[in-house]
Amino acid sequence: MQKEIFLKQIILVTDGESNSFKDPINITKKVIKEGITVSTIGILNEKSNTRAKFELESIANIGKGVCELTNIENLSSTVYNATKKSIYNTLQSVINTELKKVVGSDISNIDPTCRQKVIMMMEDLSDSFDLKTIILLDTSKSMDLKVNAAKKSIINLLNTLKSRKGKNYIAVMIFPYKDKDWKLICDFTDNIRTLKKSLKSIVIEGLTPTGEALESAYMYMKRD
């Protein structure tokens, strides 16, 4: 039986910078080597420090994903848009690699007519590939007033992805959890009820061990 091929991505949702032992930027360098894209969504405001923005932008840049800085009101649409952009960026990276092997150039340097055909093909493929997404959700104390909106955005993401042709599976990890750096609260699922039920177990506490949580999400995704 032919093994299913999935596009794999991790989406980090947080409202600030990490304050743990492991550097999330260094962890991201390992993640991308496995073909797993890392995107970041920062729930930030005017008072948020520049280090938090720099960290989130750096993680997404190294992880070949997208970084979106948003407010709590626009979180749901931002999560979906980041996912859509991440899928497209991943496909573009793959296709550019293959084009260089065949014609010695990437999509930006080929004939305009051919380029348009490739772009149309990418748009169709981005809707057809199967997708596995780990939502890595910050549940530290500073997220207290934001976590309900985050839950809704995750549920809305799975609902919206159902319009795609490809299969879509979402897993959710939270960080921290009691005396641990992270906890998987929902294994990969395409079932809305299962996802909703798992999100009820979220509790708010602790600091922000982003590096440790990101490494754990990477190892969990890598097992497949």
Protein backbone atom coordinates (compact mmCIF):
# COMPACT_ATOMS: atom_id res chain seq x y z
CA MET A 1 0.00 0.00 0.00
CA GLN A 2 1.35 3.44 -0.93
CA LYS A 3 2.19 5.60 2.06
CA GLU A 4 0.30 8.90 2.31
CA ILE A 5 2.47 11.99 1.89
CA PHE A 6 1.66 14.97 4.10
CA LEU A 7 2.80 18.55 4.19
CA LYS A 8 3.83 19.04 7.81
CA GLN A 9 3.83 22.27 9.76
CA ILE A 10 4.02 23.60 13.29
CA ILE A 11 2.20 26.81 14.16
CA LEU A 12 3.40 28.53 17.33
CA VAL A 13 0.76 30.77 18.95
CA THR A 14 2.08 32.97 21.75
CA ASP A 15 1.89 36.47 23.21
CA GLY A 16 5.53 36.96 24.10
CA GLU A 17 9.11 35.80 24.02
CA SER A 18 10.41 32.56 25.53
CA ASN A 19 11.99 32.47 28.97
CA SER A 20 13.37 28.97 29.14
CA PHE A 21 16.70 27.16 28.84
CA LYS A 22 16.51 26.06 25.18
CA ASP A 23 16.69 28.64 22.40
CA PRO A 24 13.65 28.21 20.07
CA ILE A 25 15.60 29.68 17.15
CA ASN A 26 18.25 26.95 17.42
CA ILE A 27 15.54 24.31 17.74
CA THR A 28 13.90 25.61 14.56
CA LYS A 29 17.14 25.00 12.65
CA LYS A 30 16.75 21.29 13.45
CA VAL A 31 13.05 21.24 12.60
CA ILE A 32 13.40 22.62 9.09
CA LYS A 33 16.02 19.99 8.22
CA GLU A 34 13.22 17.41 8.53
CA GLY A 35 11.03 19.26 6.05
CA ILE A 36 8.67 20.55 8.75
CA THR A 37 7.65 24.18 8.32
CA VAL A 38 7.42 26.44 11.38
CA SER A 39 5.13 29.48 11.39
CA THR A 40 4.50 31.90 14.24
CA ILE A 41 1.51 33.93 15.34
CA GLY A 42 2.15 36.64 17.89
CA ILE A 43 -0.80 38.02 19.83
CA LEU A 44 0.93 41.31 20.47
CA ASN A 45 0.07 44.93 21.15
CA GLU A 46 1.86 48.28 21.25
CA LYS A 47 3.32 47.46 24.67
CA SER A 48 4.87 44.17 23.51
CA ASN A 49 8.65 44.29 23.56
CA THR A 50 10.73 44.23 20.40
CA ARG A 51 12.56 41.07 21.49
CA ALA A 52 9.32 39.09 21.30
CA LYS A 53 8.70 40.31 17.75
CA PHE A 54 12.29 39.58 16.73
CA GLU A 55 12.10 36.05 18.15
CA LEU A 56 8.85 35.22 16.36
CA GLU A 57 10.06 36.68 13.07
CA SER A 58 13.36 34.80 13.34
CA ILE A 59 11.67 31.46 14.08
CA ALA A 60 9.37 31.82 11.05
CA ASN A 61 12.18 32.98 8.79
CA ILE A 62 14.43 30.06 9.69
CA GLY A 63 11.45 27.68 9.67
CA LYS A 64 10.49 28.78 6.13
CA GLY A 65 7.04 29.63 7.41
CA VAL A 66 5.22 32.90 7.96
CA CYS A 67 5.09 35.27 10.91
CA GLU A 68 1.85 37.06 11.62
CA LEU A 69 1.50 39.65 14.38
CA THR A 70 -2.11 40.21 15.32
CA ASN A 71 -4.53 41.29 18.00
CA ILE A 72 -6.99 39.05 19.79
CA GLU A 73 -9.93 40.19 17.64
CA ASN A 74 -8.30 39.02 14.40
CA LEU A 75 -6.71 35.86 15.74
CA SER A 76 -9.04 33.38 14.03
CA SER A 77 -8.57 34.74 10.51
CA THR A 78 -4.83 35.13 11.14
CA VAL A 79 -4.41 31.46 12.07
CA TYR A 80 -6.11 30.38 8.84
CA ASN A 81 -4.25 32.86 6.64
CA ALA A 82 -0.91 31.84 8.15
CA THR A 83 -1.71 28.19 7.45
CA LYS A 84 -2.65 28.94 3.84
CA LYS A 85 0.48 31.01 3.24
CA SER A 86 2.65 28.37 4.88
CA ILE A 87 1.32 25.64 2.57
CA TYR A 88 1.94 27.79 -0.50
CA ASN A 89 5.46 28.76 0.64
CA THR A 90 6.34 25.12 1.27
CA LEU A 91 5.19 24.10 -2.20
CA GLN A 92 7.08 26.98 -3.79
CA SER A 93 10.27 25.89 -2.02
CA VAL A 94 9.84 22.30 -3.24
CA ILE A 95 9.03 23.34 -6.80
CA ASN A 96 11.94 25.80 -6.92
CA THR A 97 14.30 23.01 -5.88
CA GLU A 98 13.00 20.75 -8.63
CA LEU A 99 13.09 23.52 -11.26
CA LYS A 100 16.74 24.22 -10.48
CA LYS A 101 17.52 20.55 -11.07
CA VAL A 102 15.73 20.54 -14.43
CA VAL A 103 16.30 24.00 -15.92
CA GLY A 104 18.89 25.53 -13.60
CA SER A 105 16.62 28.33 -12.41
CA ASP A 106 13.84 28.97 -9.91
CA ILE A 107 10.33 30.21 -10.67
CA SER A 108 11.28 33.89 -10.57
CA ASN A 109 13.67 33.53 -13.52
CA ILE A 110 11.72 31.36 -15.96
CA ASP A 111 9.72 32.54 -18.96
CA PRO A 112 6.62 34.57 -17.87
CA THR A 113 4.22 32.23 -19.69
CA CYS A 114 5.73 29.15 -18.04
CA ARG A 115 5.87 30.95 -14.71
CA GLN A 116 2.13 31.63 -14.81
CA LYS A 117 1.45 27.95 -15.51
CA VAL A 118 3.66 26.92 -12.59
CA ILE A 119 1.88 29.38 -10.28
CA MET A 120 -1.51 28.00 -11.30
CA MET A 121 -0.26 24.48 -10.68
CA MET A 122 1.00 25.49 -7.23
CA GLU A 123 -2.36 27.01 -6.30
CA ASP A 124 -4.11 23.79 -7.27
CA LEU A 125 -1.59 21.62 -5.42
CA SER A 126 -1.82 23.75 -2.27
CA ASP A 127 -5.50 22.79 -2.08
CA SER A 128 -4.92 19.10 -2.84
CA PHE A 129 -2.01 18.03 -0.65
CA ASP A 130 -2.79 16.31 2.64
CA LEU A 131 -1.86 18.40 5.66
CA LYS A 132 -0.73 17.73 9.21
CA THR A 133 -0.58 20.70 11.56
CA ILE A 134 0.54 20.89 15.18
CA ILE A 135 -0.79 23.96 16.96
CA LEU A 136 1.72 24.79 19.68
CA LEU A 137 -0.29 26.98 22.04
CA ASP A 138 1.20 29.16 24.75
CA THR A 139 -0.84 28.71 27.95
CA SER A 140 1.38 30.73 30.29
CA LYS A 141 -0.14 33.21 32.74
CA SER A 142 0.02 36.12 30.32
CA MET A 143 -2.39 34.25 28.00
CA ASP A 144 -5.19 34.20 30.57
CA LEU A 145 -7.47 36.65 28.74
CA LYS A 146 -6.56 35.37 25.30
CA VAL A 147 -6.87 31.61 25.52
CA ASN A 148 -10.61 31.43 24.79
CA ALA A 149 -10.08 33.28 21.53
CA ALA A 150 -7.19 30.93 20.76
CA LYS A 151 -9.44 27.90 21.30
CA LYS A 152 -12.04 29.30 18.91
CA SER A 153 -9.38 30.03 16.30
CA ILE A 154 -8.15 26.41 16.39
CA ILE A 155 -11.67 25.03 15.97
CA ASN A 156 -12.36 27.50 13.18
CA LEU A 157 -9.14 26.47 11.44
CA LEU A 158 -10.20 22.83 11.21
CA ASN A 159 -13.69 23.86 10.07
CA THR A 160 -12.27 26.09 7.36
CA LEU A 161 -9.70 23.56 6.16
CA LYS A 162 -12.50 21.09 5.44
CA SER A 163 -13.17 23.04 2.25
CA ARG A 164 -9.80 21.86 0.89
CA LYS A 165 -9.59 18.82 -1.37
CA GLY A 166 -6.79 17.25 0.66
CA LYS A 167 -7.04 15.62 4.08
CA ASN A 168 -6.46 17.82 7.11
CA TYR A 169 -5.35 16.74 10.57
CA ILE A 170 -4.70 18.98 13.55
CA ALA A 171 -2.93 18.15 16.81
CA VAL A 172 -2.67 20.53 19.76
CA MET A 173 0.18 20.87 22.24
CA ILE A 174 0.10 23.35 25.10
CA PHE A 175 3.00 24.78 27.05
CA PRO A 176 3.57 24.73 29.93
CA TYR A 177 1.44 22.12 31.73
CA LYS A 178 1.66 21.87 35.52
CA ASP A 179 5.25 20.89 36.33
CA LYS A 180 6.04 19.94 32.70
CA ASP A 181 7.24 22.01 29.76
CA TRP A 182 4.45 20.81 27.48
CA LYS A 183 1.51 18.44 27.05
CA LEU A 184 -0.18 16.91 24.01
CA ILE A 185 -3.88 17.47 24.62
CA CYS A 186 -5.12 16.37 21.20
CA ASP A 187 -3.56 13.85 18.83
CA PHE A 188 -3.96 14.37 15.08
CA THR A 189 -7.65 14.50 14.27
CA ASP A 190 -10.04 15.73 11.62
CA ASN A 191 -12.99 15.50 14.01
CA ILE A 192 -14.37 18.78 15.36
CA ARG A 193 -15.97 17.16 18.42
CA THR A 194 -12.72 15.48 19.42
CA LEU A 195 -10.87 18.78 19.04
CA LYS A 196 -13.43 20.75 21.05
CA LYS A 197 -13.40 18.19 23.86
CA SER A 198 -9.60 18.24 24.12
CA LEU A 199 -9.45 22.04 24.34
CA LYS A 200 -11.55 21.96 27.53
CA SER A 201 -8.55 20.57 29.42
CA ILE A 202 -6.47 23.73 28.96
CA VAL A 203 -5.32 25.45 32.15
CA ILE A 204 -3.34 28.68 32.43
CA GLU A 205 -0.14 28.70 34.48
CA GLY A 206 3.61 29.11 34.50
CA LEU A 207 6.18 30.71 32.24
CA THR A 208 6.94 30.28 28.51
CA PRO A 209 9.25 27.32 27.69
CA THR A 210 8.98 27.85 23.92
CA GLY A 211 12.22 26.08 23.00
CA GLU A 212 11.42 22.91 24.92
CA ALA A 213 7.84 22.84 23.60
CA LEU A 214 8.95 23.42 20.01
CA GLU A 215 11.46 20.58 20.26
CA SER A 216 8.75 18.27 21.61
CA ALA A 217 6.37 19.20 18.78
CA TYR A 218 9.16 18.51 16.30
CA MET A 219 9.90 15.06 17.78
CA TYR A 220 6.20 14.20 17.81
CA MET A 221 5.75 15.19 14.18
CA LYS A 222 8.97 13.43 13.18
CA ARG A 223 7.76 10.05 14.48
CA ASP A 224 5.49 9.78 11.40
